[in-house]
């Protein structure tokens, strides 16, 4: 119970990434994979006109390669 109370005090802003790496929806999956690999990230926000329009994950890239 004590641990849950401690965790409940932690805010998302305390844990979130502040320097977000993103990609535009027009880029291809090779470019997305390259950005993810170079930055050691598993998920990549997709922004259009500075607005979040989606997120691409490594699993999405793998699925695309299989299809």
PDB file of N, CA and C in Angstrom:
ATOM      1  N   UNK A   1       0.825  -1.194   0.000  1.00  0.00           N
ATOM      2  CA  UNK A   1       0.000   0.000   0.000  1.00  0.00           C
ATOM      3  C   UNK A   1       0.875   1.267   0.000  1.00  0.00           C
ATOM      4  N   UNK A   2       1.946   1.214   0.772  1.00  0.00           N
ATOM      5  CA  UNK A   2       2.851   2.362   0.855  1.00  0.00           C
ATOM      6  C   UNK A   2       3.498   2.655  -0.508  1.00  0.00           C
ATOM      7  N   UNK A   3       3.876   1.569  -1.199  1.00  0.00           N
ATOM      8  CA  UNK A   3       4.488   1.728  -2.527  1.00  0.00           C
ATOM      9  C   UNK A   3       3.501   2.328  -3.523  1.00  0.00           C
ATOM     10  N   UNK A   4       2.248   1.908  -3.465  1.00  0.00           N
ATOM     11  CA  UNK A   4       1.224   2.463  -4.361  1.00  0.00           C
ATOM     12  C   UNK A   4       1.013   3.944  -4.091  1.00  0.00           C
ATOM     13  N   UNK A   5       1.003   4.325  -2.842  1.00  0.00           N
ATOM     14  CA  UNK A   5       0.852   5.737  -2.491  1.00  0.00           C
ATOM     15  C   UNK A   5       2.031   6.548  -3.016  1.00  0.00           C
ATOM     16  N   UNK A   6       3.220   5.974  -2.915  1.00  0.00           N
ATOM     17  CA  UNK A   6       4.427   6.635  -3.425  1.00  0.00           C
ATOM     18  C   UNK A   6       4.348   6.802  -4.941  1.00  0.00           C
ATOM     19  N   UNK A   7       3.923   5.748  -5.634  1.00  0.00           N
ATOM     20  CA  UNK A   7       3.808   5.796  -7.094  1.00  0.00           C
ATOM     21  C   UNK A   7       2.735   6.776  -7.544  1.00  0.00           C
ATOM     22  N   UNK A   8       1.666   6.889  -6.773  1.00  0.00           N
ATOM     23  CA  UNK A   8       0.567   7.782  -7.137  1.00  0.00           C
ATOM     24  C   UNK A   8       0.999   9.242  -7.133  1.00  0.00           C
ATOM     25  N   UNK A   9       2.091   9.547  -6.451  1.00  0.00           N
ATOM     26  CA  UNK A   9       2.584  10.926  -6.385  1.00  0.00           C
ATOM     27  C   UNK A   9       3.460  11.290  -7.579  1.00  0.00           C
ATOM     28  N   UNK A  10       3.890  10.293  -8.329  1.00  0.00           N
ATOM     29  CA  UNK A  10       4.746  10.547  -9.493  1.00  0.00           C
ATOM     30  C   UNK A  10       3.872  11.020 -10.650  1.00  0.00           C
ATOM     31  N   UNK A  11       4.234  12.144 -11.222  1.00  0.00           N
ATOM     32  CA  UNK A  11       3.487  12.704 -12.352  1.00  0.00           C
ATOM     33  C   UNK A  11       4.102  12.242 -13.663  1.00  0.00           C
ATOM     34  N   UNK A  12       3.284  12.173 -14.678  1.00  0.00           N
ATOM     35  CA  UNK A  12       3.741  11.786 -16.011  1.00  0.00           C
ATOM     36  C   UNK A  12       4.851  12.721 -16.470  1.00  0.00           C
ATOM     37  N   UNK A  13       4.716  14.004 -16.191  1.00  0.00           N
ATOM     38  CA  UNK A  13       5.717  14.970 -16.629  1.00  0.00           C
ATOM     39  C   UNK A  13       7.093  14.702 -16.026  1.00  0.00           C
ATOM     40  N   UNK A  14       7.123  13.994 -14.895  1.00  0.00           N
ATOM     41  CA  UNK A  14       8.395  13.642 -14.275  1.00  0.00           C
ATOM     42  C   UNK A  14       9.114  12.527 -15.037  1.00  0.00           C
ATOM     43  N   UNK A  15       8.388  11.761 -15.809  1.00  0.00           N
ATOM     44  CA  UNK A  15       8.947  10.610 -16.512  1.00  0.00           C
ATOM     45  C   UNK A  15       9.033  10.771 -18.022  1.00  0.00           C
ATOM     46  N   UNK A  16       8.249  11.682 -18.566  1.00  0.00           N
ATOM     47  CA  UNK A  16       8.142  11.787 -20.026  1.00  0.00           C
ATOM     48  C   UNK A  16       9.432  12.301 -20.668  1.00  0.00           C
ATOM     49  N   UNK A  17       9.585  11.965 -21.934  1.00  0.00           N
ATOM     50  CA  UNK A  17      10.695  12.495 -22.721  1.00  0.00           C
ATOM     51  C   UNK A  17      10.358  13.922 -23.115  1.00  0.00           C
ATOM     52  N   UNK A  18      11.311  14.801 -22.946  1.00  0.00           N
ATOM     53  CA  UNK A  18      11.059  16.200 -23.277  1.00  0.00           C
ATOM     54  C   UNK A  18      11.603  16.573 -24.652  1.00  0.00           C
ATOM     55  N   UNK A  19      12.662  15.917 -25.077  1.00  0.00           N
ATOM     56  CA  UNK A  19      13.223  16.141 -26.407  1.00  0.00           C
ATOM     57  C   UNK A  19      12.707  15.025 -27.310  1.00  0.00           C
ATOM     58  N   UNK A  20      11.526  15.209 -27.834  1.00  0.00           N
ATOM     59  CA  UNK A  20      10.855  14.159 -28.591  1.00  0.00           C
ATOM     60  C   UNK A  20      11.384  14.094 -30.019  1.00  0.00           C
ATOM     61  N   UNK A  21      11.712  12.897 -30.437  1.00  0.00           N
ATOM     62  CA  UNK A  21      12.131  12.639 -31.810  1.00  0.00           C
ATOM     63  C   UNK A  21      10.894  12.164 -32.545  1.00  0.00           C
ATOM     64  N   UNK A  22      10.641  12.742 -33.707  1.00  0.00           N
ATOM     65  CA  UNK A  22       9.431  12.394 -34.450  1.00  0.00           C
ATOM     66  C   UNK A  22       9.741  12.274 -35.941  1.00  0.00           C
ATOM     67  N   UNK A  23       8.708  11.921 -36.677  1.00  0.00           N
ATOM     68  CA  UNK A  23       8.837  11.769 -38.129  1.00  0.00           C
ATOM     69  C   UNK A  23       7.544  12.260 -38.784  1.00  0.00           C
ATOM     70  N   UNK A  24       7.641  12.651 -40.036  1.00  0.00           N
ATOM     71  CA  UNK A  24       6.472  13.101 -40.794  1.00  0.00           C
ATOM     72  C   UNK A  24       5.817  11.908 -41.483  1.00  0.00           C
ATOM     73  N   UNK A  25       4.501  11.950 -41.694  1.00  0.00           N
ATOM     74  CA  UNK A  25       3.795  10.819 -42.291  1.00  0.00           C
ATOM     75  C   UNK A  25       4.221  10.505 -43.725  1.00  0.00           C
ATOM     76  N   UNK A  26       4.823  11.459 -44.415  1.00  0.00           N
ATOM     77  CA  UNK A  26       5.227  11.249 -45.807  1.00  0.00           C
ATOM     78  C   UNK A  26       6.510  10.431 -45.942  1.00  0.00           C
ATOM     79  N   UNK A  27       7.256  10.284 -44.846  1.00  0.00           N
ATOM     80  CA  UNK A  27       8.514   9.536 -44.898  1.00  0.00           C
ATOM     81  C   UNK A  27       8.228   8.049 -45.083  1.00  0.00           C
ATOM     82  N   UNK A  28       9.202   7.315 -45.617  1.00  0.00           N
ATOM     83  CA  UNK A  28       8.992   5.876 -45.828  1.00  0.00           C
ATOM     84  C   UNK A  28       9.466   5.076 -44.618  1.00  0.00           C
ATOM     85  N   UNK A  29       9.159   3.780 -44.633  1.00  0.00           N
ATOM     86  CA  UNK A  29       9.460   2.960 -43.458  1.00  0.00           C
ATOM     87  C   UNK A  29      10.961   2.754 -43.246  1.00  0.00           C
ATOM     88  N   UNK A  30      11.737   2.841 -44.301  1.00  0.00           N
ATOM     89  CA  UNK A  30      13.191   2.727 -44.141  1.00  0.00           C
ATOM     90  C   UNK A  30      13.706   3.925 -43.343  1.00  0.00           C
ATOM     91  N   UNK A  31      13.196   5.115 -43.659  1.00  0.00           N
ATOM     92  CA  UNK A  31      13.597   6.306 -42.913  1.00  0.00           C
ATOM     93  C   UNK A  31      13.162   6.199 -41.449  1.00  0.00           C
ATOM     94  N   UNK A  32      11.959   5.704 -41.210  1.00  0.00           N
ATOM     95  CA  UNK A  32      11.471   5.536 -39.841  1.00  0.00           C
ATOM     96  C   UNK A  32      12.355   4.550 -39.075  1.00  0.00           C
ATOM     97  N   UNK A  33      12.678   3.427 -39.704  1.00  0.00           N
ATOM     98  CA  UNK A  33      13.521   2.426 -39.063  1.00  0.00           C
ATOM     99  C   UNK A  33      14.904   2.992 -38.753  1.00  0.00           C
ATOM    100  N   UNK A  34      15.430   3.794 -39.642  1.00  0.00           N
ATOM    101  CA  UNK A  34      16.741   4.404 -39.444  1.00  0.00           C
ATOM    102  C   UNK A  34      16.723   5.350 -38.249  1.00  0.00           C
ATOM    103  N   UNK A  35      15.699   6.184 -38.168  1.00  0.00           N
ATOM    104  CA  UNK A  35      15.571   7.118 -37.042  1.00  0.00           C
ATOM    105  C   UNK A  35      15.459   6.352 -35.731  1.00  0.00           C
ATOM    106  N   UNK A  36      14.668   5.296 -35.730  1.00  0.00           N
ATOM    107  CA  UNK A  36      14.472   4.507 -34.514  1.00  0.00           C
ATOM    108  C   UNK A  36      15.772   3.816 -34.093  1.00  0.00           C
ATOM    109  N   UNK A  37      16.477   3.271 -35.051  1.00  0.00           N
ATOM    110  CA  UNK A  37      17.730   2.568 -34.747  1.00  0.00           C
ATOM    111  C   UNK A  37      18.806   3.534 -34.250  1.00  0.00           C
ATOM    112  N   UNK A  38      18.971   4.656 -34.928  1.00  0.00           N
ATOM    113  CA  UNK A  38      19.999   5.628 -34.535  1.00  0.00           C
ATOM    114  C   UNK A  38      19.762   6.194 -33.142  1.00  0.00           C
ATOM    115  N   UNK A  39      18.494   6.292 -32.756  1.00  0.00           N
ATOM    116  CA  UNK A  39      18.147   6.908 -31.475  1.00  0.00           C
ATOM    117  C   UNK A  39      17.759   5.900 -30.399  1.00  0.00           C
ATOM    118  N   UNK A  40      17.872   4.620 -30.744  1.00  0.00           N
ATOM    119  CA  UNK A  40      17.573   3.544 -29.790  1.00  0.00           C
ATOM    120  C   UNK A  40      16.193   3.703 -29.162  1.00  0.00           C
ATOM    121  N   UNK A  41      15.188   3.896 -30.032  1.00  0.00           N
ATOM    122  CA  UNK A  41      13.816   4.047 -29.547  1.00  0.00           C
ATOM    123  C   UNK A  41      12.922   2.983 -30.169  1.00  0.00           C
ATOM    124  N   UNK A  42      11.893   2.620 -29.448  1.00  0.00           N
ATOM    125  CA  UNK A  42      10.969   1.567 -29.880  1.00  0.00           C
ATOM    126  C   UNK A  42       9.734   2.113 -30.579  1.00  0.00           C
ATOM    127  N   UNK A  43       9.384   3.358 -30.280  1.00  0.00           N
ATOM    128  CA  UNK A  43       8.196   3.981 -30.853  1.00  0.00           C
ATOM    129  C   UNK A  43       8.539   5.376 -31.335  1.00  0.00           C
ATOM    130  N   UNK A  44       7.889   5.793 -32.413  1.00  0.00           N
ATOM    131  CA  UNK A  44       8.203   7.065 -33.038  1.00  0.00           C
ATOM    132  C   UNK A  44       6.910   7.834 -33.311  1.00  0.00           C
ATOM    133  N   UNK A  45       6.716   8.974 -32.640  1.00  0.00           N
ATOM    134  CA  UNK A  45       5.530   9.779 -32.924  1.00  0.00           C
ATOM    135  C   UNK A  45       5.564  10.281 -34.361  1.00  0.00           C
ATOM    136  N   UNK A  46       4.397  10.311 -34.977  1.00  0.00           N
ATOM    137  CA  UNK A  46       4.255  10.820 -36.340  1.00  0.00           C
ATOM    138  C   UNK A  46       3.524  12.161 -36.243  1.00  0.00           C
ATOM    139  N   UNK A  47       4.206  13.238 -36.693  1.00  0.00           N
ATOM    140  CA  UNK A  47       3.649  14.579 -36.593  1.00  0.00           C
ATOM    141  C   UNK A  47       3.404  15.167 -37.972  1.00  0.00           C
ATOM    142  N   UNK A  48       2.265  15.830 -38.101  1.00  0.00           N
ATOM    143  CA  UNK A  48       1.937  16.578 -39.313  1.00  0.00           C
ATOM    144  C   UNK A  48       1.546  17.977 -38.868  1.00  0.00           C
ATOM    145  N   UNK A  49       2.271  18.976 -39.353  1.00  0.00           N
ATOM    146  CA  UNK A  49       2.052  20.367 -38.926  1.00  0.00           C
ATOM    147  C   UNK A  49       2.099  20.487 -37.406  1.00  0.00           C
ATOM    148  N   UNK A  50       3.093  19.849 -36.813  1.00  0.00           N
ATOM    149  CA  UNK A  50       3.306  19.853 -35.359  1.00  0.00           C
ATOM    150  C   UNK A  50       2.142  19.268 -34.564  1.00  0.00           C
ATOM    151  N   UNK A  51       1.313  18.466 -35.207  1.00  0.00           N
ATOM    152  CA  UNK A  51       0.197  17.808 -34.534  1.00  0.00           C
ATOM    153  C   UNK A  51       0.387  16.294 -34.605  1.00  0.00           C
ATOM    154  N   UNK A  52       0.205  15.626 -33.479  1.00  0.00           N
ATOM    155  CA  UNK A  52       0.341  14.179 -33.438  1.00  0.00           C
ATOM    156  C   UNK A  52      -0.767  13.535 -34.268  1.00  0.00           C
ATOM    157  N   UNK A  53      -0.359  12.735 -35.255  1.00  0.00           N
ATOM    158  CA  UNK A  53      -1.338  12.036 -36.094  1.00  0.00           C
ATOM    159  C   UNK A  53      -1.222  10.526 -35.952  1.00  0.00           C
ATOM    160  N   UNK A  54      -0.191  10.061 -35.232  1.00  0.00           N
ATOM    161  CA  UNK A  54      -0.027   8.634 -35.018  1.00  0.00           C
ATOM    162  C   UNK A  54       1.288   8.307 -34.364  1.00  0.00           C
ATOM    163  N   UNK A  55       1.487   7.019 -34.149  1.00  0.00           N
ATOM    164  CA  UNK A  55       2.737   6.505 -33.587  1.00  0.00           C
ATOM    165  C   UNK A  55       3.090   5.239 -34.354  1.00  0.00           C
ATOM    166  N   UNK A  56       4.338   5.117 -34.743  1.00  0.00           N
ATOM    167  CA  UNK A  56       4.796   3.892 -35.398  1.00  0.00           C
ATOM    168  C   UNK A  56       5.745   3.178 -34.445  1.00  0.00           C
ATOM    169  N   UNK A  57       5.572   1.871 -34.333  1.00  0.00           N
ATOM    170  CA  UNK A  57       6.396   1.060 -33.430  1.00  0.00           C
ATOM    171  C   UNK A  57       7.252   0.103 -34.249  1.00  0.00           C
ATOM    172  N   UNK A  58       8.285  -0.429 -33.623  1.00  0.00           N
ATOM    173  CA  UNK A  58       9.131  -1.420 -34.307  1.00  0.00           C
ATOM    174  C   UNK A  58       8.294  -2.592 -34.807  1.00  0.00           C
ATOM    175  N   UNK A  59       7.308  -2.995 -34.021  1.00  0.00           N
ATOM    176  CA  UNK A  59       6.442  -4.109 -34.426  1.00  0.00           C
ATOM    177  C   UNK A  59       5.700  -3.779 -35.722  1.00  0.00           C
ATOM    178  N   UNK A  60       5.328  -2.527 -35.916  1.00  0.00           N
ATOM    179  CA  UNK A  60       4.669  -2.104 -37.154  1.00  0.00           C
ATOM    180  C   UNK A  60       5.606  -2.283 -38.346  1.00  0.00           C
ATOM    181  N   UNK A  61       6.866  -1.950 -38.146  1.00  0.00           N
ATOM    182  CA  UNK A  61       7.855  -2.097 -39.219  1.00  0.00           C
ATOM    183  C   UNK A  61       8.051  -3.569 -39.571  1.00  0.00           C
ATOM    184  N   UNK A  62       8.122  -4.397 -38.562  1.00  0.00           N
ATOM    185  CA  UNK A  62       8.293  -5.841 -38.799  1.00  0.00           C
ATOM    186  C   UNK A  62       7.089  -6.401 -39.547  1.00  0.00           C
ATOM    187  N   UNK A  63       5.882  -6.005 -39.125  1.00  0.00           N
ATOM    188  CA  UNK A  63       4.670  -6.462 -39.815  1.00  0.00           C
ATOM    189  C   UNK A  63       4.681  -6.050 -41.282  1.00  0.00           C
ATOM    190  N   UNK A  64       5.125  -4.824 -41.554  1.00  0.00           N
ATOM    191  CA  UNK A  64       5.168  -4.324 -42.929  1.00  0.00           C
ATOM    192  C   UNK A  64       6.142  -5.140 -43.780  1.00  0.00           C
ATOM    193  N   UNK A  65       7.241  -5.576 -43.184  1.00  0.00           N
ATOM    194  CA  UNK A  65       8.227  -6.362 -43.912  1.00  0.00           C
ATOM    195  C   UNK A  65       7.713  -7.765 -44.214  1.00  0.00           C
ATOM    196  N   UNK A  66       6.919  -8.305 -43.325  1.00  0.00           N
ATOM    197  CA  UNK A  66       6.376  -9.644 -43.497  1.00  0.00           C
ATOM    198  C   UNK A  66       5.294  -9.685 -44.578  1.00  0.00           C
ATOM    199  N   UNK A  67       4.512  -8.635 -44.658  1.00  0.00           N
ATOM    200  CA  UNK A  67       3.382  -8.600 -45.609  1.00  0.00           C
ATOM    201  C   UNK A  67       3.827  -8.476 -47.042  1.00  0.00           C
TER     202      UNK A  67
END
